[in-house]
Amino acid sequence: MEQNKRKTGNYGEDLACKFLQQLGYQIVERNYIYSHGEIDIIARDKDELVFVEVKYRTNDEYGPPELSISKGKQKLVRKTAEAYLYEHEIKDQKCRIDLIAILHLKDEKPKINHIINAF
């Protein structure tokens, strides 16, 4: 089950990376882990470093993927982004956190919602 979940997550992140690259973003790193947190994608958008949280769903049983980010998750993503900056000794760098929510219903093309500066 966990393997299948990871595979699904990777597929969603692959879609998100392709989407960002089509917008001209440069992918810097994927699946950065620090302590209990993970940043799905770290990218560069012109002069800005972008930490991207990806939410991928194959059904809307529990509502749209955008709504699945709790306050606790937001805080964890923020802390993990700060750890990345600290660990890589990055200072004086414009940064933001984006959310890419993907809803991919059976027999339909994935719907991608990119929320810039989400939280």
PDB file of N, CA and C in Angstrom:
ATOM      1  N   MET A   1       0.821  -1.202   0.000  1.00  0.00           N
ATOM      2  CA  MET A   1       0.000   0.000   0.000  1.00  0.00           C
ATOM      3  C   MET A   1       0.866   1.268   0.000  1.00  0.00           C
ATOM      4  N   GLU A   2       1.853   1.323   0.895  1.00  0.00           N
ATOM      5  CA  GLU A   2       2.737   2.487   0.989  1.00  0.00           C
ATOM      6  C   GLU A   2       3.497   2.698  -0.318  1.00  0.00           C
ATOM      7  N   GLN A   3       3.923   1.590  -0.951  1.00  0.00           N
ATOM      8  CA  GLN A   3       4.633   1.653  -2.229  1.00  0.00           C
ATOM      9  C   GLN A   3       3.738   2.272  -3.311  1.00  0.00           C
ATOM     10  N   ASN A   4       2.478   1.860  -3.334  1.00  0.00           N
ATOM     11  CA  ASN A   4       1.515   2.366  -4.307  1.00  0.00           C
ATOM     12  C   ASN A   4       1.251   3.862  -4.098  1.00  0.00           C
ATOM     13  N   LYS A   5       1.163   4.271  -2.829  1.00  0.00           N
ATOM     14  CA  LYS A   5       0.945   5.675  -2.470  1.00  0.00           C
ATOM     15  C   LYS A   5       2.127   6.524  -2.952  1.00  0.00           C
ATOM     16  N   ARG A   6       3.331   6.014  -2.764  1.00  0.00           N
ATOM     17  CA  ARG A   6       4.550   6.712  -3.187  1.00  0.00           C
ATOM     18  C   ARG A   6       4.586   6.854  -4.709  1.00  0.00           C
ATOM     19  N   LYS A   7       4.187   5.782  -5.398  1.00  0.00           N
ATOM     20  CA  LYS A   7       4.162   5.771  -6.861  1.00  0.00           C
ATOM     21  C   LYS A   7       3.174   6.832  -7.373  1.00  0.00           C
ATOM     22  N   THR A   8       1.997   6.888  -6.746  1.00  0.00           N
ATOM     23  CA  THR A   8       0.982   7.872  -7.107  1.00  0.00           C
ATOM     24  C   THR A   8       1.498   9.280  -6.841  1.00  0.00           C
ATOM     25  N   GLY A   9       2.137   9.470  -5.682  1.00  0.00           N
ATOM     26  CA  GLY A   9       2.714  10.770  -5.330  1.00  0.00           C
ATOM     27  C   GLY A   9       3.776  11.200  -6.325  1.00  0.00           C
ATOM     28  N   ASN A  10       4.635  10.265  -6.716  1.00  0.00           N
ATOM     29  CA  ASN A  10       5.681  10.569  -7.699  1.00  0.00           C
ATOM     30  C   ASN A  10       5.079  10.981  -9.032  1.00  0.00           C
ATOM     31  N   TYR A  11       4.010  10.307  -9.437  1.00  0.00           N
ATOM     32  CA  TYR A  11       3.346  10.640 -10.693  1.00  0.00           C
ATOM     33  C   TYR A  11       2.814  12.080 -10.644  1.00  0.00           C
ATOM     34  N   GLY A  12       2.174  12.428  -9.537  1.00  0.00           N
ATOM     35  CA  GLY A  12       1.669  13.786  -9.353  1.00  0.00           C
ATOM     36  C   GLY A  12       2.791  14.814  -9.388  1.00  0.00           C
ATOM     37  N   GLU A  13       3.910  14.492  -8.746  1.00  0.00           N
ATOM     38  CA  GLU A  13       5.059  15.400  -8.745  1.00  0.00           C
ATOM     39  C   GLU A  13       5.680  15.510 -10.137  1.00  0.00           C
ATOM     40  N   ASP A  14       5.694  14.410 -10.892  1.00  0.00           N
ATOM     41  CA  ASP A  14       6.191  14.456 -12.276  1.00  0.00           C
ATOM     42  C   ASP A  14       5.340  15.407 -13.112  1.00  0.00           C
ATOM     43  N   LEU A  15       4.017  15.302 -12.959  1.00  0.00           N
ATOM     44  CA  LEU A  15       3.097  16.206 -13.681  1.00  0.00           C
ATOM     45  C   LEU A  15       3.368  17.660 -13.291  1.00  0.00           C
ATOM     46  N   ALA A  16       3.553  17.891 -11.995  1.00  0.00           N
ATOM     47  CA  ALA A  16       3.806  19.249 -11.494  1.00  0.00           C
ATOM     48  C   ALA A  16       5.120  19.797 -12.051  1.00  0.00           C
ATOM     49  N   CYS A  17       6.153  18.965 -12.096  1.00  0.00           N
ATOM     50  CA  CYS A  17       7.450  19.395 -12.640  1.00  0.00           C
ATOM     51  C   CYS A  17       7.331  19.774 -14.108  1.00  0.00           C
ATOM     52  N   LYS A  18       6.654  18.935 -14.880  1.00  0.00           N
ATOM     53  CA  LYS A  18       6.460  19.236 -16.311  1.00  0.00           C
ATOM     54  C   LYS A  18       5.707  20.552 -16.476  1.00  0.00           C
ATOM     55  N   PHE A  19       4.665  20.732 -15.678  1.00  0.00           N
ATOM     56  CA  PHE A  19       3.867  21.949 -15.716  1.00  0.00           C
ATOM     57  C   PHE A  19       4.739  23.176 -15.423  1.00  0.00           C
ATOM     58  N   LEU A  20       5.539  23.099 -14.360  1.00  0.00           N
ATOM     59  CA  LEU A  20       6.405  24.221 -13.984  1.00  0.00           C
ATOM     60  C   LEU A  20       7.456  24.507 -15.058  1.00  0.00           C
ATOM     61  N   GLN A  21       8.035  23.443 -15.614  1.00  0.00           N
ATOM     62  CA  GLN A  21       9.050  23.621 -16.649  1.00  0.00           C
ATOM     63  C   GLN A  21       8.454  24.297 -17.887  1.00  0.00           C
ATOM     64  N   GLN A  22       7.214  23.973 -18.203  1.00  0.00           N
ATOM     65  CA  GLN A  22       6.542  24.623 -19.343  1.00  0.00           C
ATOM     66  C   GLN A  22       6.337  26.119 -19.081  1.00  0.00           C
ATOM     67  N   LEU A  23       6.271  26.491 -17.816  1.00  0.00           N
ATOM     68  CA  LEU A  23       6.138  27.903 -17.439  1.00  0.00           C
ATOM     69  C   LEU A  23       7.504  28.596 -17.369  1.00  0.00           C
ATOM     70  N   GLY A  24       8.570  27.828 -17.580  1.00  0.00           N
ATOM     71  CA  GLY A  24       9.912  28.404 -17.556  1.00  0.00           C
ATOM     72  C   GLY A  24      10.644  28.265 -16.234  1.00  0.00           C
ATOM     73  N   TYR A  25      10.067  27.526 -15.302  1.00  0.00           N
ATOM     74  CA  TYR A  25      10.736  27.304 -14.019  1.00  0.00           C
ATOM     75  C   TYR A  25      11.868  26.297 -14.225  1.00  0.00           C
ATOM     76  N   GLN A  26      12.897  26.426 -13.402  1.00  0.00           N
ATOM     77  CA  GLN A  26      14.000  25.460 -13.401  1.00  0.00           C
ATOM     78  C   GLN A  26      13.869  24.621 -12.125  1.00  0.00           C
ATOM     79  N   ILE A  27      13.816  23.308 -12.277  1.00  0.00           N
ATOM     80  CA  ILE A  27      13.701  22.427 -11.112  1.00  0.00           C
ATOM     81  C   ILE A  27      15.081  22.308 -10.474  1.00  0.00           C
ATOM     82  N   VAL A  28      15.164  22.635  -9.189  1.00  0.00           N
ATOM     83  CA  VAL A  28      16.431  22.611  -8.465  1.00  0.00           C
ATOM     84  C   VAL A  28      16.592  21.283  -7.727  1.00  0.00           C
ATOM     85  N   GLU A  29      15.517  20.852  -7.077  1.00  0.00           N
ATOM     86  CA  GLU A  29      15.579  19.626  -6.268  1.00  0.00           C
ATOM     87  C   GLU A  29      14.177  19.082  -6.056  1.00  0.00           C
ATOM     88  N   ARG A  30      14.116  17.766  -5.845  1.00  0.00           N
ATOM     89  CA  ARG A  30      12.842  17.124  -5.536  1.00  0.00           C
ATOM     90  C   ARG A  30      12.958  16.332  -4.247  1.00  0.00           C
ATOM     91  N   ASN A  31      11.871  16.293  -3.512  1.00  0.00           N
ATOM     92  CA  ASN A  31      11.774  15.492  -2.288  1.00  0.00           C
ATOM     93  C   ASN A  31      12.876  15.802  -1.274  1.00  0.00           C
ATOM     94  N   TYR A  32      13.046  17.076  -0.978  1.00  0.00           N
ATOM     95  CA  TYR A  32      13.995  17.495   0.052  1.00  0.00           C
ATOM     96  C   TYR A  32      13.385  17.173   1.410  1.00  0.00           C
ATOM     97  N   ILE A  33      14.116  16.403   2.197  1.00  0.00           N
ATOM     98  CA  ILE A  33      13.617  15.985   3.512  1.00  0.00           C
ATOM     99  C   ILE A  33      14.504  16.567   4.607  1.00  0.00           C
ATOM    100  N   TYR A  34      13.847  17.116   5.605  1.00  0.00           N
ATOM    101  CA  TYR A  34      14.555  17.609   6.790  1.00  0.00           C
ATOM    102  C   TYR A  34      13.695  17.290   8.001  1.00  0.00           C
ATOM    103  N   SER A  35      14.250  16.539   8.919  1.00  0.00           N
ATOM    104  CA  SER A  35      13.526  16.121  10.116  1.00  0.00           C
ATOM    105  C   SER A  35      12.223  15.425   9.710  1.00  0.00           C
ATOM    106  N   HIS A  36      11.067  15.968  10.098  1.00  0.00           N
ATOM    107  CA  HIS A  36       9.788  15.328   9.770  1.00  0.00           C
ATOM    108  C   HIS A  36       9.126  15.940   8.541  1.00  0.00           C
ATOM    109  N   GLY A  37       9.782  16.924   7.942  1.00  0.00           N
ATOM    110  CA  GLY A  37       9.164  17.635   6.830  1.00  0.00           C
ATOM    111  C   GLY A  37       9.753  17.269   5.485  1.00  0.00           C
ATOM    112  N   GLU A  38       8.965  17.520   4.446  1.00  0.00           N
ATOM    113  CA  GLU A  38       9.422  17.283   3.076  1.00  0.00           C
ATOM    114  C   GLU A  38       8.901  18.393   2.172  1.00  0.00           C
ATOM    115  N   ILE A  39       9.779  18.848   1.288  1.00  0.00           N
ATOM    116  CA  ILE A  39       9.379  19.781   0.235  1.00  0.00           C
ATOM    117  C   ILE A  39       9.352  18.953  -1.037  1.00  0.00           C
ATOM    118  N   ASP A  40       8.205  18.920  -1.703  1.00  0.00           N
ATOM    119  CA  ASP A  40       8.068  18.082  -2.903  1.00  0.00           C
ATOM    120  C   ASP A  40       8.973  18.561  -4.033  1.00  0.00           C
ATOM    121  N   ILE A  41       8.947  19.864  -4.301  1.00  0.00           N
ATOM    122  CA  ILE A  41       9.745  20.418  -5.404  1.00  0.00           C
ATOM    123  C   ILE A  41      10.337  21.757  -4.962  1.00  0.00           C
ATOM    124  N   ILE A  42      11.606  21.943  -5.279  1.00  0.00           N
ATOM    125  CA  ILE A  42      12.232  23.249  -5.102  1.00  0.00           C
ATOM    126  C   ILE A  42      12.611  23.700  -6.503  1.00  0.00           C
ATOM    127  N   ALA A  43      12.149  24.894  -6.875  1.00  0.00           N
ATOM    128  CA  ALA A  43      12.355  25.372  -8.238  1.00  0.00           C
ATOM    129  C   ALA A  43      12.799  26.830  -8.214  1.00  0.00           C
ATOM    130  N   ARG A  44      13.270  27.262  -9.351  1.00  0.00           N
ATOM    131  CA  ARG A  44      13.650  28.666  -9.513  1.00  0.00           C
ATOM    132  C   ARG A  44      12.736  29.286 -10.564  1.00  0.00           C
ATOM    133  N   ASP A  45      12.104  30.392 -10.171  1.00  0.00           N
ATOM    134  CA  ASP A  45      11.257  31.168 -11.077  1.00  0.00           C
ATOM    135  C   ASP A  45      11.920  32.535 -11.203  1.00  0.00           C
ATOM    136  N   LYS A  46      12.663  32.717 -12.272  1.00  0.00           N
ATOM    137  CA  LYS A  46      13.465  33.923 -12.479  1.00  0.00           C
ATOM    138  C   LYS A  46      14.391  34.123 -11.282  1.00  0.00           C
ATOM    139  N   ASP A  47      14.201  35.196 -10.501  1.00  0.00           N
ATOM    140  CA  ASP A  47      15.110  35.460  -9.381  1.00  0.00           C
ATOM    141  C   ASP A  47      14.569  34.951  -8.042  1.00  0.00           C
ATOM    142  N   GLU A  48      13.510  34.158  -8.091  1.00  0.00           N
ATOM    143  CA  GLU A  48      12.873  33.691  -6.862  1.00  0.00           C
ATOM    144  C   GLU A  48      13.037  32.186  -6.676  1.00  0.00           C
ATOM    145  N   LEU A  49      13.302  31.784  -5.425  1.00  0.00           N
ATOM    146  CA  LEU A  49      13.358  30.366  -5.085  1.00  0.00           C
ATOM    147  C   LEU A  49      11.953  29.969  -4.640  1.00  0.00           C
ATOM    148  N   VAL A  50      11.423  28.899  -5.228  1.00  0.00           N
ATOM    149  CA  VAL A  50      10.038  28.518  -4.972  1.00  0.00           C
ATOM    150  C   VAL A  50       9.991  27.120  -4.363  1.00  0.00           C
ATOM    151  N   PHE A  51       9.376  27.029  -3.197  1.00  0.00           N
ATOM    152  CA  PHE A  51       9.148  25.750  -2.535  1.00  0.00           C
ATOM    153  C   PHE A  51       7.729  25.338  -2.904  1.00  0.00           C
ATOM    154  N   VAL A  52       7.589  24.157  -3.491  1.00  0.00           N
ATOM    155  CA  VAL A  52       6.297  23.749  -4.036  1.00  0.00           C
ATOM    156  C   VAL A  52       5.754  22.519  -3.308  1.00  0.00           C
ATOM    157  N   GLU A  53       4.559  22.658  -2.778  1.00  0.00           N
ATOM    158  CA  GLU A  53       3.825  21.543  -2.189  1.00  0.00           C
ATOM    159  C   GLU A  53       2.873  21.031  -3.263  1.00  0.00           C
ATOM    160  N   VAL A  54       2.909  19.725  -3.504  1.00  0.00           N
ATOM    161  CA  VAL A  54       2.050  19.124  -4.532  1.00  0.00           C
ATOM    162  C   VAL A  54       0.999  18.259  -3.855  1.00  0.00           C
ATOM    163  N   LYS A  55      -0.253  18.481  -4.226  1.00  0.00           N
ATOM    164  CA  LYS A  55      -1.348  17.633  -3.760  1.00  0.00           C
ATOM    165  C   LYS A  55      -1.999  17.020  -4.995  1.00  0.00           C
ATOM    166  N   TYR A  56      -1.961  15.698  -5.058  1.00  0.00           N
ATOM    167  CA  TYR A  56      -2.483  14.965  -6.216  1.00  0.00           C
ATOM    168  C   TYR A  56      -3.583  14.031  -5.750  1.00  0.00           C
ATOM    169  N   ARG A  57      -4.722  14.108  -6.419  1.00  0.00           N
ATOM    170  CA  ARG A  57      -5.838  13.219  -6.072  1.00  0.00           C
ATOM    171  C   ARG A  57      -6.452  12.633  -7.329  1.00  0.00           C
ATOM    172  N   THR A  58      -6.927  11.401  -7.200  1.00  0.00           N
ATOM    173  CA  THR A  58      -7.575  10.728  -8.327  1.00  0.00           C
ATOM    174  C   THR A  58      -9.093  10.687  -8.156  1.00  0.00           C
ATOM    175  N   ASN A  59      -9.594  11.280  -7.067  1.00  0.00           N
ATOM    176  CA  ASN A  59     -11.041  11.417  -6.885  1.00  0.00           C
ATOM    177  C   ASN A  59     -11.306  12.644  -6.016  1.00  0.00           C
ATOM    178  N   ASP A  60     -12.550  13.084  -6.021  1.00  0.00           N
ATOM    179  CA  ASP A  60     -12.872  14.258  -5.208  1.00  0.00           C
ATOM    180  C   ASP A  60     -13.767  13.891  -4.027  1.00  0.00           C
ATOM    181  N   GLU A  61     -13.599  12.650  -3.587  1.00  0.00           N
ATOM    182  CA  GLU A  61     -14.368  12.121  -2.463  1.00  0.00           C
ATOM    183  C   GLU A  61     -14.259  12.989  -1.211  1.00  0.00           C
ATOM    184  N   TYR A  62     -13.066  13.507  -0.963  1.00  0.00           N
ATOM    185  CA  TYR A  62     -12.829  14.320   0.238  1.00  0.00           C
ATOM    186  C   TYR A  62     -12.671  15.797  -0.113  1.00  0.00           C
ATOM    187  N   GLY A  63     -13.206  16.213  -1.235  1.00  0.00           N
ATOM    188  CA  GLY A  63     -13.104  17.601  -1.661  1.00  0.00           C
ATOM    189  C   GLY A  63     -11.877  17.815  -2.538  1.00  0.00           C
ATOM    190  N   PRO A  64     -11.708  19.031  -3.020  1.00  0.00           N
ATOM    191  CA  PRO A  64     -10.585  19.325  -3.909  1.00  0.00           C
ATOM    192  C   PRO A  64      -9.248  19.234  -3.169  1.00  0.00           C
ATOM    193  N   PRO A  65      -8.189  18.887  -3.889  1.00  0.00           N
ATOM    194  CA  PRO A  65      -6.879  18.718  -3.248  1.00  0.00           C
ATOM    195  C   PRO A  65      -6.374  19.988  -2.557  1.00  0.00           C
ATOM    196  N   GLU A  66      -6.786  21.161  -3.051  1.00  0.00           N
ATOM    197  CA  GLU A  66      -6.345  22.425  -2.449  1.00  0.00           C
ATOM    198  C   GLU A  66      -6.712  22.525  -0.973  1.00  0.00           C
ATOM    199  N   LEU A  67      -7.823  21.901  -0.613  1.00  0.00           N
ATOM    200  CA  LEU A  67      -8.317  22.021   0.764  1.00  0.00           C
ATOM    201  C   LEU A  67      -7.684  21.029   1.727  1.00  0.00           C
ATOM    202  N   SER A  68      -6.772  20.204   1.233  1.00  0.00           N
ATOM    203  CA  SER A  68      -6.202  19.162   2.099  1.00  0.00           C
ATOM    204  C   SER A  68      -4.936  19.607   2.834  1.00  0.00           C
ATOM    205  N   ILE A  69      -4.590  20.879   2.751  1.00  0.00           N
ATOM    206  CA  ILE A  69      -3.398  21.379   3.434  1.00  0.00           C
ATOM    207  C   ILE A  69      -3.811  22.013   4.765  1.00  0.00           C
ATOM    208  N   SER A  70      -3.544  21.311   5.831  1.00  0.00           N
ATOM    209  CA  SER A  70      -3.904  21.813   7.161  1.00  0.00           C
ATOM    210  C   SER A  70      -2.932  22.920   7.588  1.00  0.00           C
ATOM    211  N   LYS A  71      -3.302  23.643   8.630  1.00  0.00           N
ATOM    212  CA  LYS A  71      -2.411  24.676   9.196  1.00  0.00           C
ATOM    213  C   LYS A  71      -1.103  24.032   9.664  1.00  0.00           C
ATOM    214  N   GLY A  72      -1.209  22.836  10.237  1.00  0.00           N
ATOM    215  CA  GLY A  72      -0.013  22.116  10.700  1.00  0.00           C
ATOM    216  C   GLY A  72       0.919  21.776   9.548  1.00  0.00           C
ATOM    217  N   LYS A  73       0.346  21.335   8.432  1.00  0.00           N
ATOM    218  CA  LYS A  73       1.137  21.002   7.244  1.00  0.00           C
ATOM    219  C   LYS A  73       1.811  22.257   6.695  1.00  0.00           C
ATOM    220  N   GLN A  74       1.069  23.371   6.671  1.00  0.00           N
ATOM    221  CA  GLN A  74       1.636  24.630   6.197  1.00  0.00           C
ATOM    222  C   GLN A  74       2.842  25.032   7.044  1.00  0.00           C
ATOM    223  N   LYS A  75       2.695  24.902   8.347  1.00  0.00           N
ATOM    224  CA  LYS A  75       3.772  25.251   9.275  1.00  0.00           C
ATOM    225  C   LYS A  75       4.996  24.353   9.040  1.00  0.00           C
ATOM    226  N   LEU A  76       4.747  23.061   8.824  1.00  0.00           N
ATOM    227  CA  LEU A  76       5.829  22.112   8.585  1.00  0.00           C
ATOM    228  C   LEU A  76       6.565  22.423   7.275  1.00  0.00           C
ATOM    229  N   VAL A  77       5.822  22.757   6.233  1.00  0.00           N
ATOM    230  CA  VAL A  77       6.439  23.118   4.946  1.00  0.00           C
ATOM    231  C   VAL A  77       7.291  24.369   5.134  1.00  0.00           C
ATOM    232  N   ARG A  78       6.766  25.360   5.855  1.00  0.00           N
ATOM    233  CA  ARG A  78       7.522  26.595   6.117  1.00  0.00           C
ATOM    234  C   ARG A  78       8.824  26.309   6.857  1.00  0.00           C
ATOM    235  N   LYS A  79       8.736  25.504   7.915  1.00  0.00           N
ATOM    236  CA  LYS A  79       9.923  25.159   8.701  1.00  0.00           C
ATOM    237  C   LYS A  79      10.947  24.393   7.856  1.00  0.00           C
ATOM    238  N   THR A  80      10.471  23.493   7.001  1.00  0.00           N
ATOM    239  CA  THR A  80      11.350  22.710   6.140  1.00  0.00           C
ATOM    240  C   THR A  80      12.031  23.614   5.110  1.00  0.00           C
ATOM    241  N   ALA A  81      11.295  24.586   4.585  1.00  0.00           N
ATOM    242  CA  ALA A  81      11.872  25.557   3.645  1.00  0.00           C
ATOM    243  C   ALA A  81      12.967  26.366   4.339  1.00  0.00           C
ATOM    244  N   GLU A  82      12.701  26.794   5.576  1.00  0.00           N
ATOM    245  CA  GLU A  82      13.709  27.537   6.345  1.00  0.00           C
ATOM    246  C   GLU A  82      14.948  26.688   6.582  1.00  0.00           C
ATOM    247  N   ALA A  83      14.749  25.402   6.855  1.00  0.00           N
ATOM    248  CA  ALA A  83      15.874  24.481   7.063  1.00  0.00           C
ATOM    249  C   ALA A  83      16.701  24.352   5.789  1.00  0.00           C
ATOM    250  N   TYR A  84      16.025  24.292   4.630  1.00  0.00           N
ATOM    251  CA  TYR A  84      16.725  24.206   3.346  1.00  0.00           C
ATOM    252  C   TYR A  84      17.616  25.433   3.151  1.00  0.00           C
ATOM    253  N   LEU A  85      17.068  26.608   3.405  1.00  0.00           N
ATOM    254  CA  LEU A  85      17.842  27.848   3.255  1.00  0.00           C
ATOM    255  C   LEU A  85      19.042  27.853   4.189  1.00  0.00           C
ATOM    256  N   TYR A  86      18.820  27.439   5.436  1.00  0.00           N
ATOM    257  CA  TYR A  86      19.892  27.397   6.429  1.00  0.00           C
ATOM    258  C   TYR A  86      20.966  26.382   6.030  1.00  0.00           C
ATOM    259  N   GLU A  87      20.522  25.189   5.678  1.00  0.00           N
ATOM    260  CA  GLU A  87      21.443  24.096   5.335  1.00  0.00           C
ATOM    261  C   GLU A  87      22.295  24.430   4.099  1.00  0.00           C
ATOM    262  N   HIS A  88      21.713  25.162   3.157  1.00  0.00           N
ATOM    263  CA  HIS A  88      22.435  25.523   1.928  1.00  0.00           C
ATOM    264  C   HIS A  88      23.054  26.923   2.005  1.00  0.00           C
ATOM    265  N   GLU A  89      23.013  27.506   3.223  1.00  0.00           N
ATOM    266  CA  GLU A  89      23.602  28.826   3.475  1.00  0.00           C
ATOM    267  C   GLU A  89      23.117  29.871   2.467  1.00  0.00           C
ATOM    268  N   ILE A  90      21.827  29.856   2.223  1.00  0.00           N
ATOM    269  CA  ILE A  90      21.216  30.806   1.286  1.00  0.00           C
ATOM    270  C   ILE A  90      20.657  31.976   2.091  1.00  0.00           C
ATOM    271  N   LYS A  91      21.163  33.155   1.774  1.00  0.00           N
ATOM    272  CA  LYS A  91      20.709  34.381   2.448  1.00  0.00           C
ATOM    273  C   LYS A  91      20.309  35.387   1.383  1.00  0.00           C
ATOM    274  N   ASP A  92      19.530  36.379   1.759  1.00  0.00           N
ATOM    275  CA  ASP A  92      19.119  37.449   0.845  1.00  0.00           C
ATOM    276  C   ASP A  92      18.568  36.913  -0.469  1.00  0.00           C
ATOM    277  N   GLN A  93      17.694  35.944  -0.365  1.00  0.00           N
ATOM    278  CA  GLN A  93      17.093  35.310  -1.539  1.00  0.00           C
ATOM    279  C   GLN A  93      15.579  35.460  -1.444  1.00  0.00           C
ATOM    280  N   LYS A  94      14.961  36.005  -2.492  1.00  0.00           N
ATOM    281  CA  LYS A  94      13.495  36.066  -2.516  1.00  0.00           C
ATOM    282  C   LYS A  94      12.963  34.644  -2.612  1.00  0.00           C
ATOM    283  N   CYS A  95      12.003  34.334  -1.758  1.00  0.00           N
ATOM    284  CA  CYS A  95      11.435  32.974  -1.717  1.00  0.00           C
ATOM    285  C   CYS A  95       9.923  33.060  -1.598  1.00  0.00           C
ATOM    286  N   ARG A  96       9.274  31.977  -1.991  1.00  0.00           N
ATOM    287  CA  ARG A  96       7.836  31.862  -1.779  1.00  0.00           C
ATOM    288  C   ARG A  96       7.466  30.376  -1.743  1.00  0.00           C
ATOM    289  N   ILE A  97       6.253  30.124  -1.271  1.00  0.00           N
ATOM    290  CA  ILE A  97       5.739  28.758  -1.232  1.00  0.00           C
ATOM    291  C   ILE A  97       4.505  28.704  -2.130  1.00  0.00           C
ATOM    292  N   ASP A  98       4.546  27.828  -3.120  1.00  0.00           N
ATOM    293  CA  ASP A  98       3.429  27.624  -4.034  1.00  0.00           C
ATOM    294  C   ASP A  98       2.760  26.290  -3.738  1.00  0.00           C
ATOM    295  N   LEU A  99       1.526  26.179  -4.164  1.00  0.00           N
ATOM    296  CA  LEU A  99       0.794  24.922  -4.077  1.00  0.00           C
ATOM    297  C   LEU A  99       0.356  24.534  -5.480  1.00  0.00           C
ATOM    298  N   ILE A 100       0.620  23.294  -5.836  1.00  0.00           N
ATOM    299  CA  ILE A 100       0.076  22.764  -7.082  1.00  0.00           C
ATOM    300  C   ILE A 100      -0.878  21.643  -6.702  1.00  0.00           C
ATOM    301  N   ALA A 101      -2.151  21.872  -6.994  1.00  0.00           N
ATOM    302  CA  ALA A 101      -3.199  20.897  -6.690  1.00  0.00           C
ATOM    303  C   ALA A 101      -3.638  20.267  -8.002  1.00  0.00           C
ATOM    304  N   ILE A 102      -3.569  18.947  -8.045  1.00  0.00           N
ATOM    305  CA  ILE A 102      -3.918  18.220  -9.268  1.00  0.00           C
ATOM    306  C   ILE A 102      -5.060  17.259  -8.974  1.00  0.00           C
ATOM    307  N   LEU A 103      -6.131  17.410  -9.734  1.00  0.00           N
ATOM    308  CA  LEU A 103      -7.252  16.473  -9.643  1.00  0.00           C
ATOM    309  C   LEU A 103      -7.290  15.712 -10.964  1.00  0.00           C
ATOM    310  N   HIS A 104      -7.093  14.409 -10.870  1.00  0.00           N
ATOM    311  CA  HIS A 104      -7.012  13.568 -12.066  1.00  0.00           C
ATOM    312  C   HIS A 104      -8.078  12.477 -11.981  1.00  0.00           C
ATOM    313  N   LEU A 105      -9.263  12.824 -12.423  1.00  0.00           N
ATOM    314  CA  LEU A 105     -10.367  11.865 -12.403  1.00  0.00           C
ATOM    315  C   LEU A 105     -10.216  10.872 -13.543  1.00  0.00           C
ATOM    316  N   LYS A 106     -10.728   9.688 -13.336  1.00  0.00           N
ATOM    317  CA  LYS A 106     -10.654   8.604 -14.325  1.00  0.00           C
ATOM    318  C   LYS A 106     -11.183   9.074 -15.684  1.00  0.00           C
ATOM    319  N   ASP A 107     -10.454   8.726 -16.732  1.00  0.00           N
ATOM    320  CA  ASP A 107     -10.821   9.044 -18.123  1.00  0.00           C
ATOM    321  C   ASP A 107     -10.850  10.547 -18.432  1.00  0.00           C
ATOM    322  N   GLU A 108     -10.226  11.364 -17.588  1.00  0.00           N
ATOM    323  CA  GLU A 108     -10.149  12.809 -17.850  1.00  0.00           C
ATOM    324  C   GLU A 108      -8.696  13.257 -17.799  1.00  0.00           C
ATOM    325  N   LYS A 109      -8.429  14.392 -18.428  1.00  0.00           N
ATOM    326  CA  LYS A 109      -7.097  14.984 -18.321  1.00  0.00           C
ATOM    327  C   LYS A 109      -6.949  15.575 -16.924  1.00  0.00           C
ATOM    328  N   PRO A 110      -5.739  15.541 -16.367  1.00  0.00           N
ATOM    329  CA  PRO A 110      -5.539  16.142 -15.039  1.00  0.00           C
ATOM    330  C   PRO A 110      -5.848  17.644 -15.049  1.00  0.00           C
ATOM    331  N   LYS A 111      -6.521  18.100 -14.007  1.00  0.00           N
ATOM    332  CA  LYS A 111      -6.781  19.534 -13.831  1.00  0.00           C
ATOM    333  C   LYS A 111      -5.736  20.055 -12.841  1.00  0.00           C
ATOM    334  N   ILE A 112      -4.940  21.010 -13.293  1.00  0.00           N
ATOM    335  CA  ILE A 112      -3.867  21.537 -12.461  1.00  0.00           C
ATOM    336  C   ILE A 112      -4.209  22.958 -12.024  1.00  0.00           C
ATOM    337  N   ASN A 113      -4.176  23.167 -10.717  1.00  0.00           N
ATOM    338  CA  ASN A 113      -4.404  24.490 -10.147  1.00  0.00           C
ATOM    339  C   ASN A 113      -3.104  24.915  -9.461  1.00  0.00           C
ATOM    340  N   HIS A 114      -2.462  25.947  -9.986  1.00  0.00           N
ATOM    341  CA  HIS A 114      -1.199  26.452  -9.435  1.00  0.00           C
ATOM    342  C   HIS A 114      -1.508  27.704  -8.624  1.00  0.00           C
ATOM    343  N   ILE A 115      -1.317  27.611  -7.325  1.00  0.00           N
ATOM    344  CA  ILE A 115      -1.560  28.754  -6.440  1.00  0.00           C
ATOM    345  C   ILE A 115      -0.211  29.323  -6.026  1.00  0.00           C
ATOM    346  N   ILE A 116       0.085  30.504  -6.576  1.00  0.00           N
ATOM    347  CA  ILE A 116       1.360  31.157  -6.298  1.00  0.00           C
ATOM    348  C   ILE A 116       1.292  31.848  -4.947  1.00  0.00           C
ATOM    349  N   ASN A 117       2.373  31.667  -4.158  1.00  0.00           N
ATOM    350  CA  ASN A 117       2.444  32.277  -2.828  1.00  0.00           C
ATOM    351  C   ASN A 117       1.242  31.838  -1.978  1.00  0.00           C
ATOM    352  N   ALA A 118       1.028  30.543  -1.939  1.00  0.00           N
ATOM    353  CA  ALA A 118      -0.173  29.948  -1.339  1.00  0.00           C
ATOM    354  C   ALA A 118      -0.298  30.182   0.172  1.00  0.00           C
ATOM    355  N   PHE A 119       0.824  30.099   0.874  1.00  0.00           N
ATOM    356  CA  PHE A 119       0.774  30.308   2.337  1.00  0.00           C
ATOM    357  C   PHE A 119       2.128  30.672   2.873  1.00  0.00           C
TER     358      PHE A 119
END
